[in-house]
Amino acid sequence: MLENSYPFRFIMNEYEEEPDEGFSHLMLFTFKSTKSNLTYIVRVEVYKYHIYAVKFYLKSMQDSKNKYRIATNTYEPRRIINTCINIMLSIYEKDPEASFGFIGANGMDEDSTYCTKRYRFYSRLMATYFSSEKFYHKENKAKSAYMLINNQVLDRNPGLVKEIETFFAERYDYFD
């Protein structure tokens, strides 16, 4: 676990009333910044192929449609992202077949989804903390999307990257 982070706690698993073929459930975590005294919510969407999509936002912004785009201006992004990475590592400990994904949302001052400021920052940290020996790093700069595909699973299924890309493209208009 990364030391320059905040302690987090698991809140709950949330399941859909009508199960979806590709979406398993939602895992919710929370942590509080001791610097800003702000509370964050981390949503981890669990999909088939052992894909965990990680998203986070300020709890106070949970009802905003722009919750993933709003800058907090607390000047502690590394510590916040390190906390999300620790959540990812805790998932990986429990599910050794886990792969991860995220989108670096465009900020309120960015018109495009191409290689956003958040994406550039997140991708540098992923390349630093997730070894290419354990994970294949798949980037989609046009959509600021990043996937860490588990190499053990990829070795057993060489077509996995394409399967995952097709799955998300069919599921979300964002990837058209």
N, C-alpha and C. Protein backbone atom coordinates (compact mmCIF):
# COMPACT_ATOMS: atom_id res chain seq x y z
N MET A 1 0.83 -1.19 0.00
CA MET A 1 0.00 0.00 0.00
C MET A 1 0.87 1.25 0.00
N LEU A 2 0.38 2.27 -0.66
CA LEU A 2 1.10 3.53 -0.74
C LEU A 2 0.92 4.31 0.56
N GLU A 3 1.99 4.88 1.05
CA GLU A 3 1.93 5.57 2.33
C GLU A 3 1.34 6.97 2.23
N ASN A 4 1.63 7.68 1.17
CA ASN A 4 1.15 9.05 1.02
C ASN A 4 -0.31 9.03 0.53
N SER A 5 -1.19 8.58 1.42
CA SER A 5 -2.60 8.43 1.08
C SER A 5 -3.43 8.60 2.35
N TYR A 6 -4.73 8.52 2.18
CA TYR A 6 -5.64 8.59 3.33
C TYR A 6 -6.19 7.19 3.64
N PRO A 7 -6.50 6.94 4.89
CA PRO A 7 -7.18 5.68 5.21
C PRO A 7 -8.57 5.69 4.56
N PHE A 8 -8.98 4.57 4.06
CA PHE A 8 -10.30 4.48 3.44
C PHE A 8 -11.10 3.39 4.13
N ARG A 9 -12.40 3.44 3.91
CA ARG A 9 -13.22 2.36 4.45
C ARG A 9 -14.26 1.95 3.40
N PHE A 10 -14.52 0.68 3.42
CA PHE A 10 -15.55 0.11 2.54
C PHE A 10 -16.91 0.46 3.14
N ILE A 11 -17.84 0.92 2.31
CA ILE A 11 -19.18 1.24 2.79
C ILE A 11 -20.13 0.07 2.53
N MET A 12 -20.21 -0.33 1.24
CA MET A 12 -21.16 -1.40 0.91
C MET A 12 -21.04 -1.84 -0.54
N ASN A 13 -21.62 -3.00 -0.81
CA ASN A 13 -21.85 -3.46 -2.18
C ASN A 13 -23.30 -3.13 -2.50
N GLU A 14 -23.52 -2.64 -3.70
CA GLU A 14 -24.87 -2.30 -4.12
C GLU A 14 -25.18 -3.10 -5.39
N TYR A 15 -26.27 -3.85 -5.36
CA TYR A 15 -26.66 -4.69 -6.48
C TYR A 15 -27.92 -4.13 -7.14
N GLU A 16 -28.02 -4.30 -8.44
CA GLU A 16 -29.19 -3.87 -9.19
C GLU A 16 -30.36 -4.79 -8.88
N GLU A 17 -31.57 -4.25 -8.87
CA GLU A 17 -32.75 -5.08 -8.66
C GLU A 17 -32.92 -6.06 -9.82
N GLU A 18 -32.65 -5.57 -11.03
CA GLU A 18 -32.71 -6.42 -12.21
C GLU A 18 -31.29 -6.59 -12.71
N PRO A 19 -30.68 -7.75 -12.47
CA PRO A 19 -29.27 -7.94 -12.85
C PRO A 19 -29.03 -7.70 -14.34
N ASP A 20 -27.87 -7.15 -14.61
CA ASP A 20 -27.43 -6.84 -15.96
C ASP A 20 -26.40 -7.91 -16.34
N GLU A 21 -26.40 -8.30 -17.59
CA GLU A 21 -25.50 -9.36 -18.03
C GLU A 21 -24.02 -9.02 -17.83
N GLY A 22 -23.64 -7.78 -18.03
CA GLY A 22 -22.23 -7.44 -17.96
C GLY A 22 -21.81 -6.70 -16.70
N PHE A 23 -22.77 -6.09 -16.01
CA PHE A 23 -22.48 -5.33 -14.79
C PHE A 23 -22.81 -6.21 -13.59
N SER A 24 -21.86 -6.38 -12.70
CA SER A 24 -22.07 -7.23 -11.53
C SER A 24 -22.67 -6.44 -10.37
N HIS A 25 -21.90 -5.46 -9.89
CA HIS A 25 -22.37 -4.66 -8.76
C HIS A 25 -21.47 -3.44 -8.58
N LEU A 26 -21.87 -2.61 -7.64
CA LEU A 26 -21.14 -1.40 -7.33
C LEU A 26 -20.56 -1.54 -5.92
N MET A 27 -19.29 -1.20 -5.79
CA MET A 27 -18.64 -1.17 -4.47
C MET A 27 -18.43 0.30 -4.10
N LEU A 28 -18.80 0.66 -2.89
CA LEU A 28 -18.64 2.04 -2.44
C LEU A 28 -17.63 2.11 -1.30
N PHE A 29 -16.74 3.08 -1.41
CA PHE A 29 -15.72 3.34 -0.39
C PHE A 29 -15.78 4.83 -0.06
N THR A 30 -15.19 5.19 1.05
CA THR A 30 -15.10 6.60 1.42
C THR A 30 -13.77 6.86 2.11
N PHE A 31 -13.33 8.11 2.01
CA PHE A 31 -12.17 8.56 2.78
C PHE A 31 -12.30 10.06 3.01
N LYS A 32 -11.60 10.54 4.02
CA LYS A 32 -11.65 11.95 4.37
C LYS A 32 -10.24 12.54 4.31
N SER A 33 -10.14 13.68 3.67
CA SER A 33 -8.88 14.41 3.60
C SER A 33 -8.64 15.11 4.93
N THR A 34 -7.49 14.86 5.52
CA THR A 34 -7.15 15.57 6.75
C THR A 34 -6.63 16.97 6.45
N LYS A 35 -6.25 17.21 5.21
CA LYS A 35 -5.79 18.54 4.81
C LYS A 35 -6.96 19.50 4.62
N SER A 36 -7.96 19.07 3.85
CA SER A 36 -9.09 19.94 3.52
C SER A 36 -10.33 19.66 4.36
N ASN A 37 -10.33 18.54 5.07
CA ASN A 37 -11.49 18.09 5.85
C ASN A 37 -12.68 17.74 4.96
N LEU A 38 -12.42 17.45 3.68
CA LEU A 38 -13.47 17.07 2.74
C LEU A 38 -13.55 15.55 2.65
N THR A 39 -14.77 15.06 2.44
CA THR A 39 -14.99 13.63 2.32
C THR A 39 -15.20 13.27 0.85
N TYR A 40 -14.60 12.17 0.44
CA TYR A 40 -14.69 11.68 -0.92
C TYR A 40 -15.41 10.35 -0.96
N ILE A 41 -16.10 10.12 -2.05
CA ILE A 41 -16.75 8.83 -2.33
C ILE A 41 -16.00 8.20 -3.49
N VAL A 42 -15.67 6.93 -3.36
CA VAL A 42 -15.05 6.18 -4.45
C VAL A 42 -16.03 5.11 -4.87
N ARG A 43 -16.44 5.17 -6.13
CA ARG A 43 -17.33 4.17 -6.73
C ARG A 43 -16.48 3.22 -7.55
N VAL A 44 -16.65 1.95 -7.30
CA VAL A 44 -15.95 0.95 -8.10
C VAL A 44 -17.03 0.09 -8.75
N GLU A 45 -17.19 0.27 -10.05
CA GLU A 45 -18.17 -0.51 -10.80
C GLU A 45 -17.51 -1.81 -11.22
N VAL A 46 -18.17 -2.93 -10.91
CA VAL A 46 -17.62 -4.25 -11.17
C VAL A 46 -18.33 -4.84 -12.38
N TYR A 47 -17.54 -5.17 -13.41
CA TYR A 47 -18.07 -5.70 -14.66
C TYR A 47 -17.53 -7.10 -14.92
N LYS A 48 -18.12 -7.74 -15.93
CA LYS A 48 -17.58 -9.05 -16.33
C LYS A 48 -16.13 -8.88 -16.75
N TYR A 49 -15.43 -9.95 -16.88
CA TYR A 49 -13.99 -9.98 -17.17
C TYR A 49 -13.17 -9.51 -15.96
N HIS A 50 -13.78 -9.42 -14.79
CA HIS A 50 -13.10 -8.95 -13.58
C HIS A 50 -12.58 -7.52 -13.76
N ILE A 51 -13.37 -6.70 -14.45
CA ILE A 51 -13.01 -5.29 -14.66
C ILE A 51 -13.60 -4.46 -13.54
N TYR A 52 -12.77 -3.64 -12.94
CA TYR A 52 -13.17 -2.73 -11.88
C TYR A 52 -12.94 -1.30 -12.37
N ALA A 53 -14.02 -0.57 -12.61
CA ALA A 53 -13.92 0.81 -13.07
C ALA A 53 -13.98 1.74 -11.85
N VAL A 54 -12.94 2.51 -11.66
CA VAL A 54 -12.78 3.33 -10.46
C VAL A 54 -13.13 4.79 -10.77
N LYS A 55 -14.01 5.35 -9.94
CA LYS A 55 -14.42 6.74 -10.07
C LYS A 55 -14.45 7.36 -8.67
N PHE A 56 -14.19 8.63 -8.57
CA PHE A 56 -14.31 9.27 -7.27
C PHE A 56 -14.80 10.71 -7.43
N TYR A 57 -15.36 11.23 -6.35
CA TYR A 57 -15.87 12.60 -6.34
C TYR A 57 -16.04 13.06 -4.90
N LEU A 58 -16.16 14.36 -4.74
CA LEU A 58 -16.45 14.93 -3.42
C LEU A 58 -17.86 14.54 -3.00
N LYS A 59 -18.01 14.12 -1.78
CA LYS A 59 -19.34 13.75 -1.29
C LYS A 59 -20.33 14.90 -1.43
N SER A 60 -19.86 16.11 -1.20
CA SER A 60 -20.75 17.28 -1.30
C SER A 60 -21.25 17.52 -2.72
N MET A 61 -20.61 16.89 -3.72
CA MET A 61 -21.00 17.05 -5.12
C MET A 61 -21.76 15.85 -5.67
N GLN A 62 -22.17 14.94 -4.80
CA GLN A 62 -22.74 13.69 -5.27
C GLN A 62 -23.98 13.84 -6.14
N ASP A 63 -24.70 14.93 -6.01
CA ASP A 63 -25.91 15.12 -6.82
C ASP A 63 -25.65 15.95 -8.08
N SER A 64 -24.43 16.38 -8.27
CA SER A 64 -24.10 17.19 -9.44
C SER A 64 -23.82 16.31 -10.65
N LYS A 65 -24.34 16.69 -11.80
CA LYS A 65 -24.04 15.95 -13.02
C LYS A 65 -22.58 16.12 -13.42
N ASN A 66 -21.92 17.11 -12.87
CA ASN A 66 -20.51 17.38 -13.17
C ASN A 66 -19.57 16.92 -12.06
N LYS A 67 -20.03 16.04 -11.19
CA LYS A 67 -19.24 15.66 -10.02
C LYS A 67 -17.85 15.14 -10.35
N TYR A 68 -17.68 14.52 -11.53
CA TYR A 68 -16.36 13.99 -11.91
C TYR A 68 -15.50 15.05 -12.60
N ARG A 69 -16.09 16.17 -12.94
CA ARG A 69 -15.38 17.22 -13.69
C ARG A 69 -14.93 18.38 -12.82
N ILE A 70 -15.52 18.52 -11.65
CA ILE A 70 -15.27 19.68 -10.79
C ILE A 70 -13.91 19.56 -10.10
N ALA A 71 -13.12 20.62 -10.19
CA ALA A 71 -11.82 20.66 -9.51
C ALA A 71 -12.05 21.10 -8.06
N THR A 72 -11.38 20.43 -7.14
CA THR A 72 -11.55 20.76 -5.72
C THR A 72 -10.65 21.91 -5.28
N ASN A 73 -9.55 22.11 -6.01
CA ASN A 73 -8.57 23.16 -5.67
C ASN A 73 -8.02 23.01 -4.26
N THR A 74 -7.87 21.77 -3.81
CA THR A 74 -7.27 21.51 -2.49
C THR A 74 -5.78 21.23 -2.62
N TYR A 75 -5.29 21.13 -3.84
CA TYR A 75 -3.87 20.94 -4.12
C TYR A 75 -3.28 19.69 -3.45
N GLU A 76 -4.04 18.61 -3.52
CA GLU A 76 -3.57 17.33 -2.98
C GLU A 76 -3.95 16.16 -3.89
N PRO A 77 -3.84 16.34 -5.21
CA PRO A 77 -4.31 15.27 -6.10
C PRO A 77 -3.55 13.95 -5.93
N ARG A 78 -2.26 14.01 -5.69
CA ARG A 78 -1.48 12.77 -5.57
C ARG A 78 -1.98 11.94 -4.38
N ARG A 79 -2.22 12.57 -3.27
CA ARG A 79 -2.67 11.84 -2.08
C ARG A 79 -4.06 11.23 -2.31
N ILE A 80 -4.90 11.96 -3.01
CA ILE A 80 -6.25 11.46 -3.32
C ILE A 80 -6.16 10.26 -4.27
N ILE A 81 -5.36 10.40 -5.33
CA ILE A 81 -5.21 9.30 -6.28
C ILE A 81 -4.50 8.12 -5.62
N ASN A 82 -3.53 8.38 -4.77
CA ASN A 82 -2.87 7.28 -4.06
C ASN A 82 -3.87 6.51 -3.20
N THR A 83 -4.84 7.20 -2.64
CA THR A 83 -5.88 6.51 -1.87
C THR A 83 -6.70 5.62 -2.79
N CYS A 84 -7.04 6.11 -3.98
CA CYS A 84 -7.77 5.28 -4.96
C CYS A 84 -6.92 4.09 -5.38
N ILE A 85 -5.63 4.30 -5.55
CA ILE A 85 -4.73 3.19 -5.90
C ILE A 85 -4.72 2.16 -4.77
N ASN A 86 -4.72 2.60 -3.54
CA ASN A 86 -4.76 1.65 -2.42
C ASN A 86 -6.06 0.85 -2.42
N ILE A 87 -7.15 1.48 -2.80
CA ILE A 87 -8.41 0.74 -2.93
C ILE A 87 -8.26 -0.31 -4.03
N MET A 88 -7.65 0.07 -5.15
CA MET A 88 -7.41 -0.87 -6.24
C MET A 88 -6.54 -2.04 -5.77
N LEU A 89 -5.49 -1.73 -5.03
CA LEU A 89 -4.61 -2.78 -4.53
C LEU A 89 -5.33 -3.71 -3.56
N SER A 90 -6.24 -3.17 -2.76
CA SER A 90 -7.01 -4.02 -1.84
C SER A 90 -7.95 -4.95 -2.61
N ILE A 91 -8.48 -4.46 -3.72
CA ILE A 91 -9.33 -5.30 -4.58
C ILE A 91 -8.48 -6.39 -5.23
N TYR A 92 -7.31 -6.01 -5.71
CA TYR A 92 -6.41 -6.96 -6.36
C TYR A 92 -5.98 -8.07 -5.40
N GLU A 93 -5.80 -7.74 -4.13
CA GLU A 93 -5.47 -8.76 -3.13
C GLU A 93 -6.57 -9.80 -3.01
N LYS A 94 -7.83 -9.34 -3.12
CA LYS A 94 -8.98 -10.25 -2.99
C LYS A 94 -9.33 -10.94 -4.30
N ASP A 95 -9.03 -10.28 -5.41
CA ASP A 95 -9.32 -10.84 -6.73
C ASP A 95 -8.06 -10.76 -7.59
N PRO A 96 -7.23 -11.81 -7.57
CA PRO A 96 -5.97 -11.77 -8.32
C PRO A 96 -6.15 -11.74 -9.84
N GLU A 97 -7.39 -11.84 -10.33
CA GLU A 97 -7.66 -11.71 -11.76
C GLU A 97 -8.15 -10.30 -12.12
N ALA A 98 -8.15 -9.42 -11.15
CA ALA A 98 -8.69 -8.07 -11.35
C ALA A 98 -7.92 -7.28 -12.40
N SER A 99 -8.67 -6.56 -13.21
CA SER A 99 -8.16 -5.55 -14.13
C SER A 99 -8.89 -4.26 -13.78
N PHE A 100 -8.33 -3.13 -14.15
CA PHE A 100 -8.90 -1.85 -13.73
C PHE A 100 -9.04 -0.90 -14.91
N GLY A 101 -9.95 0.04 -14.76
CA GLY A 101 -10.13 1.06 -15.78
C GLY A 101 -10.60 2.35 -15.17
N PHE A 102 -10.35 3.43 -15.87
CA PHE A 102 -10.85 4.73 -15.45
C PHE A 102 -10.87 5.66 -16.65
N ILE A 103 -11.59 6.75 -16.47
CA ILE A 103 -11.62 7.83 -17.45
C ILE A 103 -11.20 9.10 -16.74
N GLY A 104 -10.28 9.82 -17.32
CA GLY A 104 -9.87 11.11 -16.78
C GLY A 104 -10.81 12.17 -17.34
N ALA A 105 -11.87 12.46 -16.60
CA ALA A 105 -12.90 13.38 -17.09
C ALA A 105 -12.31 14.73 -17.45
N ASN A 106 -12.89 15.33 -18.48
CA ASN A 106 -12.44 16.67 -18.85
C ASN A 106 -12.91 17.66 -17.79
N GLY A 107 -12.04 18.59 -17.45
CA GLY A 107 -12.38 19.61 -16.47
C GLY A 107 -13.38 20.59 -17.03
N MET A 108 -13.92 21.41 -16.15
CA MET A 108 -14.92 22.39 -16.56
C MET A 108 -14.34 23.39 -17.57
N ASP A 109 -13.02 23.53 -17.58
CA ASP A 109 -12.36 24.45 -18.51
C ASP A 109 -11.81 23.75 -19.75
N GLU A 110 -12.15 22.45 -19.93
CA GLU A 110 -11.68 21.69 -21.10
C GLU A 110 -12.88 21.35 -21.99
N ASP A 111 -12.76 21.65 -23.26
CA ASP A 111 -13.86 21.40 -24.20
C ASP A 111 -13.83 19.99 -24.78
N SER A 112 -12.68 19.35 -24.73
CA SER A 112 -12.50 18.06 -25.39
C SER A 112 -12.25 16.95 -24.37
N THR A 113 -12.54 15.71 -24.79
CA THR A 113 -12.21 14.55 -23.97
C THR A 113 -10.84 13.98 -24.36
N TYR A 114 -10.18 14.59 -25.34
CA TYR A 114 -8.88 14.08 -25.78
C TYR A 114 -7.80 14.39 -24.76
N CYS A 115 -7.17 13.36 -24.24
CA CYS A 115 -5.98 13.47 -23.38
C CYS A 115 -6.11 14.61 -22.36
N THR A 116 -7.11 14.53 -21.54
CA THR A 116 -7.39 15.59 -20.57
C THR A 116 -6.29 15.72 -19.52
N LYS A 117 -6.33 16.82 -18.82
CA LYS A 117 -5.35 17.07 -17.75
C LYS A 117 -5.40 15.95 -16.71
N ARG A 118 -6.62 15.56 -16.29
CA ARG A 118 -6.75 14.47 -15.32
C ARG A 118 -6.17 13.17 -15.89
N TYR A 119 -6.50 12.88 -17.12
CA TYR A 119 -6.00 11.66 -17.75
C TYR A 119 -4.48 11.62 -17.75
N ARG A 120 -3.85 12.72 -18.12
CA ARG A 120 -2.38 12.77 -18.16
C ARG A 120 -1.79 12.52 -16.77
N PHE A 121 -2.39 13.09 -15.76
CA PHE A 121 -1.90 12.91 -14.39
C PHE A 121 -2.13 11.46 -13.93
N TYR A 122 -3.35 10.96 -14.11
CA TYR A 122 -3.67 9.60 -13.67
C TYR A 122 -2.79 8.58 -14.38
N SER A 123 -2.61 8.75 -15.69
CA SER A 123 -1.85 7.76 -16.46
C SER A 123 -0.39 7.72 -16.02
N ARG A 124 0.18 8.87 -15.67
CA ARG A 124 1.56 8.87 -15.15
C ARG A 124 1.65 8.07 -13.86
N LEU A 125 0.68 8.23 -12.97
CA LEU A 125 0.70 7.49 -11.71
C LEU A 125 0.49 5.99 -11.95
N MET A 126 -0.38 5.62 -12.87
CA MET A 126 -0.61 4.20 -13.16
C MET A 126 0.67 3.56 -13.70
N ALA A 127 1.35 4.28 -14.59
CA ALA A 127 2.60 3.76 -15.16
C ALA A 127 3.67 3.61 -14.07
N THR A 128 3.61 4.46 -13.07
CA THR A 128 4.58 4.42 -11.98
C THR A 128 4.31 3.26 -11.03
N TYR A 129 3.05 3.07 -10.66
CA TYR A 129 2.72 2.13 -9.59
C TYR A 129 2.26 0.74 -10.04
N PHE A 130 1.90 0.60 -11.31
CA PHE A 130 1.43 -0.70 -11.80
C PHE A 130 2.40 -1.21 -12.86
N SER A 131 3.16 -2.21 -12.48
CA SER A 131 4.20 -2.78 -13.31
C SER A 131 3.63 -3.37 -14.60
N SER A 132 4.37 -3.18 -15.70
CA SER A 132 3.96 -3.79 -16.96
C SER A 132 4.17 -5.31 -16.93
N GLU A 133 4.85 -5.81 -15.92
CA GLU A 133 4.98 -7.26 -15.75
C GLU A 133 3.65 -7.87 -15.30
N LYS A 134 2.88 -7.12 -14.52
CA LYS A 134 1.60 -7.64 -14.00
C LYS A 134 0.40 -7.13 -14.79
N PHE A 135 0.53 -5.95 -15.39
CA PHE A 135 -0.60 -5.36 -16.10
C PHE A 135 -0.18 -4.81 -17.46
N TYR A 136 -1.05 -5.06 -18.44
CA TYR A 136 -0.90 -4.46 -19.76
C TYR A 136 -1.59 -3.11 -19.70
N HIS A 137 -0.91 -2.06 -20.08
CA HIS A 137 -1.43 -0.69 -20.01
C HIS A 137 -2.02 -0.33 -21.38
N LYS A 138 -3.33 -0.22 -21.44
CA LYS A 138 -4.04 0.11 -22.69
C LYS A 138 -4.63 1.50 -22.56
N GLU A 139 -4.18 2.39 -23.44
CA GLU A 139 -4.63 3.78 -23.39
C GLU A 139 -5.53 4.11 -24.58
N ASN A 140 -6.53 4.93 -24.32
CA ASN A 140 -7.37 5.50 -25.36
C ASN A 140 -7.36 7.00 -25.14
N LYS A 141 -6.38 7.67 -25.71
CA LYS A 141 -6.21 9.10 -25.48
C LYS A 141 -7.38 9.91 -26.00
N ALA A 142 -8.00 9.45 -27.08
CA ALA A 142 -9.13 10.19 -27.66
C ALA A 142 -10.28 10.34 -26.66
N LYS A 143 -10.44 9.33 -25.79
CA LYS A 143 -11.52 9.36 -24.79
C LYS A 143 -10.98 9.52 -23.38
N SER A 144 -9.67 9.71 -23.25
CA SER A 144 -9.02 9.82 -21.94
C SER A 144 -9.35 8.62 -21.05
N ALA A 145 -9.37 7.45 -21.67
CA ALA A 145 -9.67 6.20 -20.96
C ALA A 145 -8.39 5.38 -20.82
N TYR A 146 -8.27 4.70 -19.70
CA TYR A 146 -7.06 3.94 -19.40
C TYR A 146 -7.47 2.61 -18.78
N MET A 147 -6.88 1.53 -19.28
CA MET A 147 -7.16 0.22 -18.71
C MET A 147 -5.85 -0.44 -18.28
N LEU A 148 -5.92 -1.10 -17.15
CA LEU A 148 -4.84 -1.94 -16.66
C LEU A 148 -5.36 -3.36 -16.75
N ILE A 149 -4.91 -4.09 -17.77
CA ILE A 149 -5.39 -5.45 -18.00
C ILE A 149 -4.43 -6.43 -17.34
N ASN A 150 -4.96 -7.28 -16.51
CA ASN A 150 -4.19 -8.28 -15.78
C ASN A 150 -3.49 -9.22 -16.77
N ASN A 151 -2.17 -9.25 -16.73
CA ASN A 151 -1.40 -10.06 -17.68
C ASN A 151 -1.63 -11.56 -17.52
N GLN A 152 -1.87 -12.04 -16.30
CA GLN A 152 -2.15 -13.47 -16.12
C GLN A 152 -3.41 -13.87 -16.87
N VAL A 153 -4.42 -13.04 -16.81
CA VAL A 153 -5.67 -13.31 -17.51
C VAL A 153 -5.47 -13.14 -19.01
N LEU A 154 -4.73 -12.12 -19.39
CA LEU A 154 -4.45 -11.86 -20.80
C LEU A 154 -3.66 -13.00 -21.44
N ASP A 155 -2.75 -13.61 -20.69
CA ASP A 155 -1.99 -14.75 -21.21
C ASP A 155 -2.91 -15.93 -21.53
N ARG A 156 -3.96 -16.10 -20.75
CA ARG A 156 -4.92 -17.19 -20.98
C ARG A 156 -5.92 -16.85 -22.08
N ASN A 157 -6.13 -15.56 -22.31
CA ASN A 157 -7.10 -15.12 -23.31
C ASN A 157 -6.51 -13.93 -24.08
N PRO A 158 -5.70 -14.20 -25.13
CA PRO A 158 -5.04 -13.12 -25.88
C PRO A 158 -6.01 -12.13 -26.54
N GLY A 159 -7.26 -12.51 -26.72
CA GLY A 159 -8.24 -11.61 -27.32
C GLY A 159 -8.99 -10.75 -26.31
N LEU A 160 -8.56 -10.80 -25.06
CA LEU A 160 -9.28 -10.13 -23.98
C LEU A 160 -9.40 -8.62 -24.18
N VAL A 161 -8.35 -7.97 -24.61
CA VAL A 161 -8.40 -6.51 -24.77
C VAL A 161 -9.51 -6.14 -25.75
N LYS A 162 -9.56 -6.82 -26.88
CA LYS A 162 -10.59 -6.55 -27.88
C LYS A 162 -11.99 -6.84 -27.32
N GLU A 163 -12.12 -7.95 -26.58
CA GLU A 163 -13.41 -8.29 -25.97
C GLU A 163 -13.88 -7.19 -25.02
N ILE A 164 -12.97 -6.68 -24.21
CA ILE A 164 -13.31 -5.62 -23.25
C ILE A 164 -13.68 -4.34 -23.99
N GLU A 165 -12.90 -3.98 -24.99
CA GLU A 165 -13.20 -2.76 -25.77
C GLU A 165 -14.57 -2.87 -26.43
N THR A 166 -14.86 -4.03 -27.01
CA THR A 166 -16.16 -4.24 -27.65
C THR A 166 -17.28 -4.17 -26.63
N PHE A 167 -17.07 -4.79 -25.48
CA PHE A 167 -18.08 -4.78 -24.41
C PHE A 167 -18.44 -3.36 -24.02
N PHE A 168 -17.45 -2.52 -23.76
CA PHE A 168 -17.73 -1.14 -23.33
C PHE A 168 -18.26 -0.29 -24.47
N ALA A 169 -17.80 -0.51 -25.69
CA ALA A 169 -18.31 0.24 -26.85
C ALA A 169 -19.79 -0.05 -27.08
N GLU A 170 -20.19 -1.32 -26.89
CA GLU A 170 -21.60 -1.69 -27.05
C GLU A 170 -22.45 -1.18 -25.90
N ARG A 171 -21.85 -1.02 -24.77
CA ARG A 171 -22.58 -0.64 -23.55
C ARG A 171 -22.74 0.87 -23.39
N TYR A 172 -21.71 1.63 -23.78
CA TYR A 172 -21.70 3.08 -23.54
C TYR A 172 -21.46 3.85 -24.84
N ASP A 173 -22.34 4.79 -25.13
CA ASP A 173 -22.21 5.64 -26.31
C ASP A 173 -20.91 6.44 -26.29
N TYR A 174 -20.40 6.68 -25.11
CA TYR A 174 -19.17 7.47 -24.94
C TYR A 174 -18.02 6.93 -25.79
N PHE A 175 -17.99 5.60 -25.99
CA PHE A 175 -16.87 4.98 -26.71
C PHE A 175 -17.12 4.80 -28.19
N ASP A 176 -18.20 5.37 -28.72
CA ASP A 176 -18.47 5.31 -30.17
C ASP A 176 -17.40 6.06 -30.93
